[in-house]
Amino acid sequence: MDSSQRERVADAFQAYSAMETTRQRHFDYLNMLTEREKRFNLESTDSEQSFLAELLLDHDAQVKTFKAASDELRGRSMEDFQALFAWLGEIEKNLSPIRDAAKQNENDGNRLEVPHQTN
């Protein structure tokens, strides 16, 4: 994607990034509550469940914002729309091995070792 195309897809890309952030925030908090309950048998409070629900509402709003932005981009330029989703796929392809290694090492209690990726 060239710099001109990056500018044209910026709104949709920013909406995607916000959606990804709110998703991760929700999952992080949910995982913390779940892990605390498993390890210490401490159930989440009503306040914590309420906060979790608010995080999910934030994410739902960002999903709608991204959907609207990507629909607008598709209506304006199918080429830019396809370029955005190709870039999102490239990001995921390159970050997945790192995320998977981090999760595995976290589960194993080891420190993170990033796998070397070959093209």
Protein backbone atom coordinates (compact mmCIF):
# COMPACT_ATOMS: atom_id res chain seq x y z
CA MET A 1 0.00 0.00 0.00
CA ASP A 2 1.53 3.33 -1.02
CA SER A 3 1.38 6.51 1.09
CA SER A 4 -1.51 7.95 -0.91
CA GLN A 5 -3.56 4.80 -0.41
CA ARG A 6 -2.67 4.78 3.31
CA GLU A 7 -4.17 8.25 3.59
CA ARG A 8 -7.35 7.17 1.82
CA VAL A 9 -7.87 4.15 4.11
CA ALA A 10 -6.75 5.93 7.31
CA ASP A 11 -10.23 6.36 8.82
CA ALA A 12 -11.12 2.70 8.36
CA PHE A 13 -7.69 1.59 9.60
CA GLN A 14 -7.98 3.77 12.70
CA ALA A 15 -11.46 2.37 13.35
CA TYR A 16 -10.03 -1.16 13.04
CA SER A 17 -7.21 -0.31 15.45
CA ALA A 18 -9.69 1.09 17.98
CA MET A 19 -11.83 -2.04 17.61
CA GLU A 20 -8.78 -4.25 18.17
CA THR A 21 -7.81 -2.23 21.26
CA THR A 22 -11.26 -2.49 22.84
CA ARG A 23 -11.38 -6.22 22.09
CA GLN A 24 -8.03 -6.77 23.76
CA ARG A 25 -9.00 -4.62 26.74
CA HIS A 26 -12.17 -6.67 27.27
CA PHE A 27 -10.35 -10.01 26.95
CA ASP A 28 -7.52 -8.90 29.23
CA TYR A 29 -9.95 -7.95 31.98
CA LEU A 30 -12.04 -11.10 31.47
CA ASN A 31 -8.89 -13.25 31.61
CA MET A 32 -7.72 -11.51 34.77
CA LEU A 33 -11.06 -12.18 36.47
CA THR A 34 -11.11 -15.79 35.27
CA GLU A 35 -7.52 -16.46 36.30
CA ARG A 36 -8.07 -14.92 39.74
CA GLU A 37 -11.12 -17.12 40.26
CA LYS A 38 -9.22 -20.26 39.19
CA ARG A 39 -6.13 -19.56 41.28
CA PHE A 40 -7.62 -18.00 44.38
CA ASN A 41 -11.28 -19.01 44.25
CA LEU A 42 -12.25 -15.32 44.31
CA GLU A 43 -15.36 -14.62 42.32
CA SER A 44 -15.72 -11.30 40.58
CA THR A 45 -17.77 -8.63 42.28
CA ASP A 46 -20.88 -7.03 40.83
CA SER A 47 -18.77 -3.94 40.23
CA GLU A 48 -16.18 -5.93 38.28
CA GLN A 49 -18.88 -7.65 36.22
CA SER A 50 -20.44 -4.26 35.50
CA PHE A 51 -17.08 -2.90 34.38
CA LEU A 52 -16.58 -5.95 32.16
CA ALA A 53 -19.98 -5.31 30.58
CA GLU A 54 -19.01 -1.68 29.95
CA LEU A 55 -15.82 -2.82 28.23
CA LEU A 56 -17.89 -5.07 26.00
CA LEU A 57 -20.21 -2.16 25.16
CA ASP A 58 -17.14 -0.10 24.20
CA HIS A 59 -16.03 -2.90 21.91
CA ASP A 60 -19.48 -3.29 20.36
CA ALA A 61 -19.52 0.44 19.57
CA GLN A 62 -16.09 0.18 17.92
CA VAL A 63 -17.23 -2.80 15.84
CA LYS A 64 -20.10 -0.67 14.50
CA THR A 65 -17.73 2.23 13.81
CA PHE A 66 -15.34 -0.03 11.90
CA LYS A 67 -18.19 -1.60 9.93
CA ALA A 68 -19.45 1.84 8.91
CA ALA A 69 -15.96 3.03 7.97
CA SER A 70 -15.18 -0.08 5.94
CA ASP A 71 -18.58 0.06 4.20
CA GLU A 72 -17.93 3.71 3.32
CA LEU A 73 -14.48 2.82 1.99
CA ARG A 74 -15.89 -0.05 -0.08
CA GLY A 75 -18.50 2.28 -1.58
CA ARG A 76 -15.85 4.85 -2.42
CA SER A 77 -13.10 2.57 -3.77
CA MET A 78 -13.13 -1.21 -4.00
CA GLU A 79 -9.37 -1.12 -4.72
CA ASP A 80 -8.67 0.75 -1.47
CA PHE A 81 -11.06 -1.52 0.43
CA GLN A 82 -9.25 -4.62 -0.84
CA ALA A 83 -5.86 -3.05 -0.08
CA LEU A 84 -6.92 -2.35 3.50
CA PHE A 85 -8.04 -5.92 4.09
CA ALA A 86 -4.91 -7.27 2.41
CA TRP A 87 -2.86 -5.13 4.82
CA LEU A 88 -4.90 -6.31 7.82
CA GLY A 89 -4.29 -9.89 6.69
CA GLU A 90 -0.57 -9.21 6.38
CA ILE A 91 -0.48 -7.75 9.89
CA GLU A 92 -2.26 -10.79 11.28
CA LYS A 93 -0.04 -13.22 9.38
CA ASN A 94 3.10 -11.61 10.78
CA LEU A 95 1.87 -11.09 14.34
CA SER A 96 0.19 -14.48 14.84
CA PRO A 97 3.41 -16.48 15.37
CA ILE A 98 4.59 -13.91 17.92
CA ARG A 99 1.26 -13.95 19.77
CA ASP A 100 1.17 -17.75 19.70
CA ALA A 101 4.71 -17.98 21.07
CA ALA A 102 3.91 -15.47 23.82
CA LYS A 103 0.80 -17.42 24.85
CA GLN A 104 2.65 -20.72 24.84
CA ASN A 105 5.52 -19.34 26.87
CA GLU A 106 3.09 -17.69 29.27
CA ASN A 107 1.31 -21.02 29.70
CA ASP A 108 4.64 -22.79 30.21
CA GLY A 109 5.87 -20.14 32.66
CA ASN A 110 8.82 -19.31 30.40
CA ARG A 111 10.03 -16.04 29.04
CA LEU A 112 9.07 -15.02 25.54
CA GLU A 113 11.25 -16.18 22.67
CA VAL A 114 10.07 -14.77 19.36
CA PRO A 115 10.21 -17.35 16.58
CA HIS A 116 12.27 -16.49 13.53
CA GLN A 117 10.02 -16.09 10.53
CA THR A 118 11.10 -16.94 7.01
CA ASN A 119 9.41 -15.52 3.97
